[in-house]
Amino acid sequence: MKKKRCMIFVTTMLVAGIANASSTLQDMHIAKVSGEQPDVAVPAGWKLAYKAVHPDGAYFFEYIPEGENIDNWRSGYLFVGRAPYPEHRKKTDLNQPKAASIGDAMVSAIQKEVADACKGQGSFMPMSHRWNIFNGSRVSVSGGFCSKMGSAAPYGEGAIVSVIEGEEYLHQISFHWRPISAEQREKRMPAWGDTDENIIRHLQTIRATKLCGGKTAQRADCHQPVGNGT
């Protein structure tokens, strides 16, 4: 099994029922992605550190800043994952956007698992859970900060997690950060362990993300979907 790079925010998408039961980390292999993909803007100076793709279409990509180590990153981490809709579930009808949403359920489940994992190690500060329609897709967003998450994040780890409901797949985009010291954590913002500026930048990136390819209508404003050329 691939080693977990960060806290449970990342792997929940594949192990909590969003992915097909066959789409385990053990089954995944390196392959080229096709079909519906997010046109997400990877931060300048960041590199693709790892990718894995399953035959059923599930995948995940991991990005970190140049000079960082994927197994022990510090300043930032971006997770981009995709999984088929589970059986008997489908995307939310945009004509009834307030109806029960699989994206909302997924984000809530992720947040709860992180809060549970944080118990006994540190304190967990949840972010509010919100949704909106961006670029024609329903997007659920939440996150939080655990003040200590094992030896890899002794001064805490935070994340903003989003689930985008596409025509073919569910897409997870998560930005993560780890203060390098207690002093840095307090100087940035004690509640979240990062600055307002950085958190807003991550939210703006999620908001600007478009889905391209596959059954999604072709868009003239799509540039480099995450699976192409990587």
C-alpha atoms as a PDB file:
ATOM      1  CA  MET A   1       0.000   0.000   0.000  1.00  0.00           C
ATOM      2  CA  LYS A   2       1.159   3.512  -0.774  1.00  0.00           C
ATOM      3  CA  LYS A   3       2.304   5.346   2.319  1.00  0.00           C
ATOM      4  CA  LYS A   4      -0.124   7.981   3.569  1.00  0.00           C
ATOM      5  CA  ARG A   5       1.323  11.424   2.872  1.00  0.00           C
ATOM      6  CA  CYS A   6      -0.867  13.398   5.224  1.00  0.00           C
ATOM      7  CA  MET A   7      -3.801  13.113   7.534  1.00  0.00           C
ATOM      8  CA  ILE A   8      -7.025  11.351   6.771  1.00  0.00           C
ATOM      9  CA  PHE A   9      -8.373  14.236   4.666  1.00  0.00           C
ATOM     10  CA  VAL A  10      -6.612  12.732   1.657  1.00  0.00           C
ATOM     11  CA  THR A  11      -7.427   9.046   1.739  1.00  0.00           C
ATOM     12  CA  THR A  12     -11.039   9.204   2.879  1.00  0.00           C
ATOM     13  CA  MET A  13     -12.301   9.718  -0.657  1.00  0.00           C
ATOM     14  CA  LEU A  14     -11.087   6.268  -1.634  1.00  0.00           C
ATOM     15  CA  VAL A  15     -11.829   4.331   1.547  1.00  0.00           C
ATOM     16  CA  ALA A  16     -15.149   5.778   2.727  1.00  0.00           C
ATOM     17  CA  GLY A  17     -17.348   4.557  -0.109  1.00  0.00           C
ATOM     18  CA  ILE A  18     -16.924   7.264  -2.719  1.00  0.00           C
ATOM     19  CA  ALA A  19     -14.719   5.074  -4.890  1.00  0.00           C
ATOM     20  CA  ASN A  20     -15.858   1.758  -6.316  1.00  0.00           C
ATOM     21  CA  ALA A  21     -15.097  -1.101  -3.942  1.00  0.00           C
ATOM     22  CA  SER A  22     -12.411  -2.365  -6.342  1.00  0.00           C
ATOM     23  CA  SER A  23     -10.604   0.968  -6.399  1.00  0.00           C
ATOM     24  CA  THR A  24      -8.225   0.414  -3.509  1.00  0.00           C
ATOM     25  CA  LEU A  25      -4.809   1.934  -3.209  1.00  0.00           C
ATOM     26  CA  GLN A  26      -3.305  -1.544  -3.633  1.00  0.00           C
ATOM     27  CA  ASP A  27      -4.979  -1.981  -7.032  1.00  0.00           C
ATOM     28  CA  MET A  28      -3.961   1.357  -8.458  1.00  0.00           C
ATOM     29  CA  HIS A  29      -1.196   1.668 -11.006  1.00  0.00           C
ATOM     30  CA  ILE A  30       0.435   4.348 -13.107  1.00  0.00           C
ATOM     31  CA  ALA A  31      -1.556   5.078 -16.269  1.00  0.00           C
ATOM     32  CA  LYS A  32      -2.779   7.932 -18.427  1.00  0.00           C
ATOM     33  CA  VAL A  33      -5.999   9.643 -17.428  1.00  0.00           C
ATOM     34  CA  SER A  34      -8.893  10.100 -19.844  1.00  0.00           C
ATOM     35  CA  GLY A  35     -12.441  11.434 -19.548  1.00  0.00           C
ATOM     36  CA  GLU A  36     -13.734  14.171 -17.290  1.00  0.00           C
ATOM     37  CA  GLN A  37     -10.948  15.997 -15.438  1.00  0.00           C
ATOM     38  CA  PRO A  38     -10.606  19.174 -13.376  1.00  0.00           C
ATOM     39  CA  ASP A  39      -8.739  22.095 -14.885  1.00  0.00           C
ATOM     40  CA  VAL A  40      -7.232  22.995 -11.534  1.00  0.00           C
ATOM     41  CA  ALA A  41      -4.475  25.610 -11.283  1.00  0.00           C
ATOM     42  CA  VAL A  42      -1.519  23.967  -9.550  1.00  0.00           C
ATOM     43  CA  PRO A  43       0.418  26.673  -7.639  1.00  0.00           C
ATOM     44  CA  ALA A  44       3.459  28.075  -9.409  1.00  0.00           C
ATOM     45  CA  GLY A  45       6.654  26.326  -8.345  1.00  0.00           C
ATOM     46  CA  TRP A  46       4.877  23.110  -7.342  1.00  0.00           C
ATOM     47  CA  LYS A  47       5.619  19.725  -8.904  1.00  0.00           C
ATOM     48  CA  LEU A  48       3.753  16.483  -9.460  1.00  0.00           C
ATOM     49  CA  ALA A  49       5.166  14.133  -6.815  1.00  0.00           C
ATOM     50  CA  TYR A  50       3.019  11.035  -7.298  1.00  0.00           C
ATOM     51  CA  LYS A  51       0.060   9.776  -9.321  1.00  0.00           C
ATOM     52  CA  ALA A  52      -1.933   6.562  -9.451  1.00  0.00           C
ATOM     53  CA  VAL A  53      -4.794   5.602 -11.771  1.00  0.00           C
ATOM     54  CA  HIS A  54      -7.212   2.677 -11.566  1.00  0.00           C
ATOM     55  CA  PRO A  55      -8.893   1.050 -14.598  1.00  0.00           C
ATOM     56  CA  ASP A  56     -12.360   2.080 -13.358  1.00  0.00           C
ATOM     57  CA  GLY A  57     -11.332   5.742 -13.706  1.00  0.00           C
ATOM     58  CA  ALA A  58     -10.447   6.505 -10.086  1.00  0.00           C
ATOM     59  CA  TYR A  59      -7.159   8.315  -9.586  1.00  0.00           C
ATOM     60  CA  PHE A  60      -5.204  10.602  -7.329  1.00  0.00           C
ATOM     61  CA  PHE A  61      -2.423  13.110  -8.000  1.00  0.00           C
ATOM     62  CA  GLU A  62      -0.182  14.652  -5.351  1.00  0.00           C
ATOM     63  CA  TYR A  63       1.615  17.969  -5.744  1.00  0.00           C
ATOM     64  CA  ILE A  64       4.147  19.639  -3.452  1.00  0.00           C
ATOM     65  CA  PRO A  65       6.448  22.673  -3.723  1.00  0.00           C
ATOM     66  CA  GLU A  66       9.811  22.193  -5.426  1.00  0.00           C
ATOM     67  CA  GLY A  67      12.423  21.174  -2.890  1.00  0.00           C
ATOM     68  CA  GLU A  68       9.912  19.356  -0.651  1.00  0.00           C
ATOM     69  CA  ASN A  69       9.844  15.604   0.012  1.00  0.00           C
ATOM     70  CA  ILE A  70       6.526  13.863  -0.625  1.00  0.00           C
ATOM     71  CA  ASP A  71       6.951  11.663   2.461  1.00  0.00           C
ATOM     72  CA  ASN A  72       7.803  14.558   4.770  1.00  0.00           C
ATOM     73  CA  TRP A  73       6.437  17.745   3.218  1.00  0.00           C
ATOM     74  CA  ARG A  74       6.033  20.928   5.232  1.00  0.00           C
ATOM     75  CA  SER A  75       5.023  24.085   3.378  1.00  0.00           C
ATOM     76  CA  GLY A  76       2.190  22.738   1.240  1.00  0.00           C
ATOM     77  CA  TYR A  77       0.471  19.792  -0.381  1.00  0.00           C
ATOM     78  CA  LEU A  78      -2.252  19.527  -3.042  1.00  0.00           C
ATOM     79  CA  PHE A  79      -4.370  16.392  -3.508  1.00  0.00           C
ATOM     80  CA  VAL A  80      -6.496  15.939  -6.642  1.00  0.00           C
ATOM     81  CA  GLY A  81      -8.619  12.782  -6.694  1.00  0.00           C
ATOM     82  CA  ARG A  82     -11.380  11.366  -8.856  1.00  0.00           C
ATOM     83  CA  ALA A  83     -13.738   8.441  -8.292  1.00  0.00           C
ATOM     84  CA  PRO A  84     -16.869   7.004  -9.940  1.00  0.00           C
ATOM     85  CA  TYR A  85     -20.195   7.681  -8.288  1.00  0.00           C
ATOM     86  CA  PRO A  86     -21.102   4.810  -5.975  1.00  0.00           C
ATOM     87  CA  GLU A  87     -23.956   2.569  -7.028  1.00  0.00           C
ATOM     88  CA  HIS A  88     -27.442   4.103  -6.689  1.00  0.00           C
ATOM     89  CA  ARG A  89     -26.014   7.594  -6.193  1.00  0.00           C
ATOM     90  CA  LYS A  90     -25.812  10.403  -8.710  1.00  0.00           C
ATOM     91  CA  LYS A  91     -24.954  14.066  -8.945  1.00  0.00           C
ATOM     92  CA  THR A  92     -27.276  16.609  -7.354  1.00  0.00           C
ATOM     93  CA  ASP A  93     -29.928  18.081  -9.628  1.00  0.00           C
ATOM     94  CA  LEU A  94     -28.817  21.673 -10.150  1.00  0.00           C
ATOM     95  CA  ASN A  95     -32.492  22.636 -10.358  1.00  0.00           C
ATOM     96  CA  GLN A  96     -32.770  21.461  -6.740  1.00  0.00           C
ATOM     97  CA  PRO A  97     -29.350  22.440  -5.361  1.00  0.00           C
ATOM     98  CA  LYS A  98     -30.485  22.407  -1.730  1.00  0.00           C
ATOM     99  CA  ALA A  99     -31.449  18.735  -1.912  1.00  0.00           C
ATOM    100  CA  ALA A 100     -29.346  16.151  -0.040  1.00  0.00           C
ATOM    101  CA  SER A 101     -25.999  16.069  -1.822  1.00  0.00           C
ATOM    102  CA  ILE A 102     -23.436  13.310  -2.064  1.00  0.00           C
ATOM    103  CA  GLY A 103     -20.747  16.003  -2.113  1.00  0.00           C
ATOM    104  CA  ASP A 104     -22.005  17.442   1.165  1.00  0.00           C
ATOM    105  CA  ALA A 105     -22.132  13.967   2.706  1.00  0.00           C
ATOM    106  CA  MET A 106     -18.586  13.267   1.579  1.00  0.00           C
ATOM    107  CA  VAL A 107     -17.149  16.499   2.961  1.00  0.00           C
ATOM    108  CA  SER A 108     -18.976  15.990   6.269  1.00  0.00           C
ATOM    109  CA  ALA A 109     -17.650  12.420   6.537  1.00  0.00           C
ATOM    110  CA  ILE A 110     -14.098  13.605   5.874  1.00  0.00           C
ATOM    111  CA  GLN A 111     -14.371  16.335   8.498  1.00  0.00           C
ATOM    112  CA  LYS A 112     -15.751  13.906  11.091  1.00  0.00           C
ATOM    113  CA  GLU A 113     -13.003  11.343  10.471  1.00  0.00           C
ATOM    114  CA  VAL A 114     -10.328  13.997  10.874  1.00  0.00           C
ATOM    115  CA  ALA A 115     -11.902  15.260  14.103  1.00  0.00           C
ATOM    116  CA  ASP A 116     -11.976  11.675  15.420  1.00  0.00           C
ATOM    117  CA  ALA A 117      -8.347  11.074  14.367  1.00  0.00           C
ATOM    118  CA  CYS A 118      -7.274  14.287  16.094  1.00  0.00           C
ATOM    119  CA  LYS A 119      -8.702  13.228  19.454  1.00  0.00           C
ATOM    120  CA  GLY A 120      -5.998  12.251  21.910  1.00  0.00           C
ATOM    121  CA  GLN A 121      -3.322  14.068  19.885  1.00  0.00           C
ATOM    122  CA  GLY A 122      -4.438  17.669  19.593  1.00  0.00           C
ATOM    123  CA  SER A 123      -7.491  19.876  19.323  1.00  0.00           C
ATOM    124  CA  PHE A 124      -9.551  20.109  16.144  1.00  0.00           C
ATOM    125  CA  MET A 125     -10.994  23.368  14.866  1.00  0.00           C
ATOM    126  CA  PRO A 126     -13.560  22.731  12.107  1.00  0.00           C
ATOM    127  CA  MET A 127     -14.275  25.145   9.302  1.00  0.00           C
ATOM    128  CA  SER A 128     -17.853  25.861   8.323  1.00  0.00           C
ATOM    129  CA  HIS A 129     -19.338  23.617   5.643  1.00  0.00           C
ATOM    130  CA  ARG A 130     -20.604  25.440   2.575  1.00  0.00           C
ATOM    131  CA  TRP A 131     -21.676  24.703  -0.981  1.00  0.00           C
ATOM    132  CA  ASN A 132     -22.206  26.680  -4.149  1.00  0.00           C
ATOM    133  CA  ILE A 133     -22.424  26.253  -7.910  1.00  0.00           C
ATOM    134  CA  PHE A 134     -19.219  27.233  -9.694  1.00  0.00           C
ATOM    135  CA  ASN A 135     -18.595  26.842 -13.424  1.00  0.00           C
ATOM    136  CA  GLY A 136     -21.734  24.754 -13.790  1.00  0.00           C
ATOM    137  CA  SER A 137     -20.895  22.210 -11.055  1.00  0.00           C
ATOM    138  CA  ARG A 138     -22.059  21.865  -7.460  1.00  0.00           C
ATOM    139  CA  VAL A 139     -19.093  22.248  -5.094  1.00  0.00           C
ATOM    140  CA  SER A 140     -19.036  21.351  -1.382  1.00  0.00           C
ATOM    141  CA  VAL A 141     -16.245  22.832   0.749  1.00  0.00           C
ATOM    142  CA  SER A 142     -15.088  22.499   4.344  1.00  0.00           C
ATOM    143  CA  GLY A 143     -11.931  21.702   6.281  1.00  0.00           C
ATOM    144  CA  GLY A 144     -10.259  22.383   9.566  1.00  0.00           C
ATOM    145  CA  PHE A 145      -7.063  22.300  11.581  1.00  0.00           C
ATOM    146  CA  CYS A 146      -5.719  19.690  14.013  1.00  0.00           C
ATOM    147  CA  SER A 147      -3.130  21.207  16.350  1.00  0.00           C
ATOM    148  CA  LYS A 148      -1.073  18.003  16.355  1.00  0.00           C
ATOM    149  CA  MET A 149      -1.243  15.069  13.951  1.00  0.00           C
ATOM    150  CA  GLY A 150       1.418  12.506  14.750  1.00  0.00           C
ATOM    151  CA  SER A 151       5.165  12.811  14.265  1.00  0.00           C
ATOM    152  CA  ALA A 152       4.773  14.088  10.698  1.00  0.00           C
ATOM    153  CA  ALA A 153       2.862  17.172  11.871  1.00  0.00           C
ATOM    154  CA  PRO A 154       3.854  17.901  15.493  1.00  0.00           C
ATOM    155  CA  TYR A 155       2.663  21.514  15.182  1.00  0.00           C
ATOM    156  CA  GLY A 156      -0.535  20.641  13.389  1.00  0.00           C
ATOM    157  CA  GLU A 157      -1.961  20.134   9.942  1.00  0.00           C
ATOM    158  CA  GLY A 158      -4.793  21.969   8.263  1.00  0.00           C
ATOM    159  CA  ALA A 159      -6.706  21.497   5.062  1.00  0.00           C
ATOM    160  CA  ILE A 160      -9.424  22.875   2.866  1.00  0.00           C
ATOM    161  CA  VAL A 161     -11.345  20.014   1.265  1.00  0.00           C
ATOM    162  CA  SER A 162     -13.738  20.265  -1.662  1.00  0.00           C
ATOM    163  CA  VAL A 163     -15.839  17.768  -3.596  1.00  0.00           C
ATOM    164  CA  ILE A 164     -17.005  18.722  -7.091  1.00  0.00           C
ATOM    165  CA  GLU A 165     -19.925  16.765  -8.550  1.00  0.00           C
ATOM    166  CA  GLY A 166     -19.242  16.123 -12.224  1.00  0.00           C
ATOM    167  CA  GLU A 167     -21.269  14.410 -14.915  1.00  0.00           C
ATOM    168  CA  GLU A 168     -19.164  11.242 -14.714  1.00  0.00           C
ATOM    169  CA  TYR A 169     -17.136  11.426 -11.530  1.00  0.00           C
ATOM    170  CA  LEU A 170     -16.778  12.918  -8.083  1.00  0.00           C
ATOM    171  CA  HIS A 171     -13.665  15.094  -7.858  1.00  0.00           C
ATOM    172  CA  GLN A 172     -11.826  15.912  -4.625  1.00  0.00           C
ATOM    173  CA  ILE A 173      -9.435  18.860  -4.425  1.00  0.00           C
ATOM    174  CA  SER A 174      -7.686  19.441  -1.099  1.00  0.00           C
ATOM    175  CA  PHE A 175      -5.028  21.940  -0.060  1.00  0.00           C
ATOM    176  CA  HIS A 176      -2.977  21.124   3.055  1.00  0.00           C
ATOM    177  CA  TRP A 177      -0.440  22.948   5.197  1.00  0.00           C
ATOM    178  CA  ARG A 178       1.748  22.251   8.240  1.00  0.00           C
ATOM    179  CA  PRO A 179       3.307  24.909  10.488  1.00  0.00           C
ATOM    180  CA  ILE A 180       7.003  24.204  11.043  1.00  0.00           C
ATOM    181  CA  SER A 181       6.977  25.443  14.638  1.00  0.00           C
ATOM    182  CA  ALA A 182       4.626  26.474  17.424  1.00  0.00           C
ATOM    183  CA  GLU A 183       5.804  30.055  16.931  1.00  0.00           C
ATOM    184  CA  GLN A 184       4.883  29.999  13.232  1.00  0.00           C
ATOM    185  CA  ARG A 185       1.497  28.477  14.032  1.00  0.00           C
ATOM    186  CA  GLU A 186       0.692  31.229  16.506  1.00  0.00           C
ATOM    187  CA  LYS A 187       2.053  33.974  14.266  1.00  0.00           C
ATOM    188  CA  ARG A 188      -0.016  32.862  11.277  1.00  0.00           C
ATOM    189  CA  MET A 189      -3.398  32.265  12.886  1.00  0.00           C
ATOM    190  CA  PRO A 190      -3.816  29.962  15.886  1.00  0.00           C
ATOM    191  CA  ALA A 191      -7.227  28.643  14.810  1.00  0.00           C
ATOM    192  CA  TRP A 192      -6.177  27.482  11.340  1.00  0.00           C
ATOM    193  CA  GLY A 193      -2.379  27.382  11.425  1.00  0.00           C
ATOM    194  CA  ASP A 194      -2.154  29.441   8.238  1.00  0.00           C
ATOM    195  CA  THR A 195      -2.736  33.005   7.089  1.00  0.00           C
ATOM    196  CA  ASP A 196      -6.019  34.388   5.795  1.00  0.00           C
ATOM    197  CA  GLU A 197      -4.219  35.237   2.565  1.00  0.00           C
ATOM    198  CA  ASN A 198      -3.171  31.633   1.899  1.00  0.00           C
ATOM    199  CA  ILE A 199      -6.549  30.191   2.834  1.00  0.00           C
ATOM    200  CA  ILE A 200      -8.359  32.645   0.558  1.00  0.00           C
ATOM    201  CA  ARG A 201      -5.963  31.780  -2.272  1.00  0.00           C
ATOM    202  CA  HIS A 202      -6.781  28.077  -1.901  1.00  0.00           C
ATOM    203  CA  LEU A 203     -10.511  28.788  -1.893  1.00  0.00           C
ATOM    204  CA  GLN A 204     -10.182  30.940  -5.001  1.00  0.00           C
ATOM    205  CA  THR A 205      -8.359  28.130  -6.796  1.00  0.00           C
ATOM    206  CA  ILE A 206     -11.149  25.686  -5.934  1.00  0.00           C
ATOM    207  CA  ARG A 207     -13.786  28.181  -7.032  1.00  0.00           C
ATOM    208  CA  ALA A 208     -12.049  28.717 -10.393  1.00  0.00           C
ATOM    209  CA  THR A 209     -11.660  25.005 -11.160  1.00  0.00           C
ATOM    210  CA  LYS A 210     -13.583  23.812 -14.223  1.00  0.00           C
ATOM    211  CA  LEU A 211     -14.404  20.272 -15.323  1.00  0.00           C
ATOM    212  CA  CYS A 212     -13.290  19.430 -18.849  1.00  0.00           C
ATOM    213  CA  GLY A 213     -13.394  16.442 -21.183  1.00  0.00           C
ATOM    214  CA  GLY A 214     -15.513  13.318 -21.166  1.00  0.00           C
ATOM    215  CA  LYS A 215     -19.256  13.940 -21.217  1.00  0.00           C
ATOM    216  CA  THR A 216     -18.700  17.471 -19.982  1.00  0.00           C
ATOM    217  CA  ALA A 217     -19.390  20.066 -22.661  1.00  0.00           C
ATOM    218  CA  GLN A 218     -16.128  21.120 -24.273  1.00  0.00           C
ATOM    219  CA  ARG A 219     -15.031  24.484 -22.955  1.00  0.00           C
ATOM    220  CA  ALA A 220     -12.908  26.985 -24.808  1.00  0.00           C
ATOM    221  CA  ASP A 221     -11.484  28.204 -21.489  1.00  0.00           C
ATOM    222  CA  CYS A 222     -10.015  24.840 -20.451  1.00  0.00           C
ATOM    223  CA  HIS A 223      -6.241  24.810 -20.455  1.00  0.00           C
ATOM    224  CA  GLN A 224      -4.529  21.856 -18.829  1.00  0.00           C
ATOM    225  CA  PRO A 225      -6.773  19.326 -17.074  1.00  0.00           C
ATOM    226  CA  VAL A 226      -4.834  17.653 -14.314  1.00  0.00           C
ATOM    227  CA  GLY A 227      -4.484  14.275 -16.033  1.00  0.00           C
ATOM    228  CA  ASN A 228      -3.109  15.552 -19.334  1.00  0.00           C
ATOM    229  CA  GLY A 229       0.601  15.649 -19.888  1.00  0.00           C
ATOM    230  CA  THR A 230       1.490  14.594 -16.337  1.00  0.00           C
END
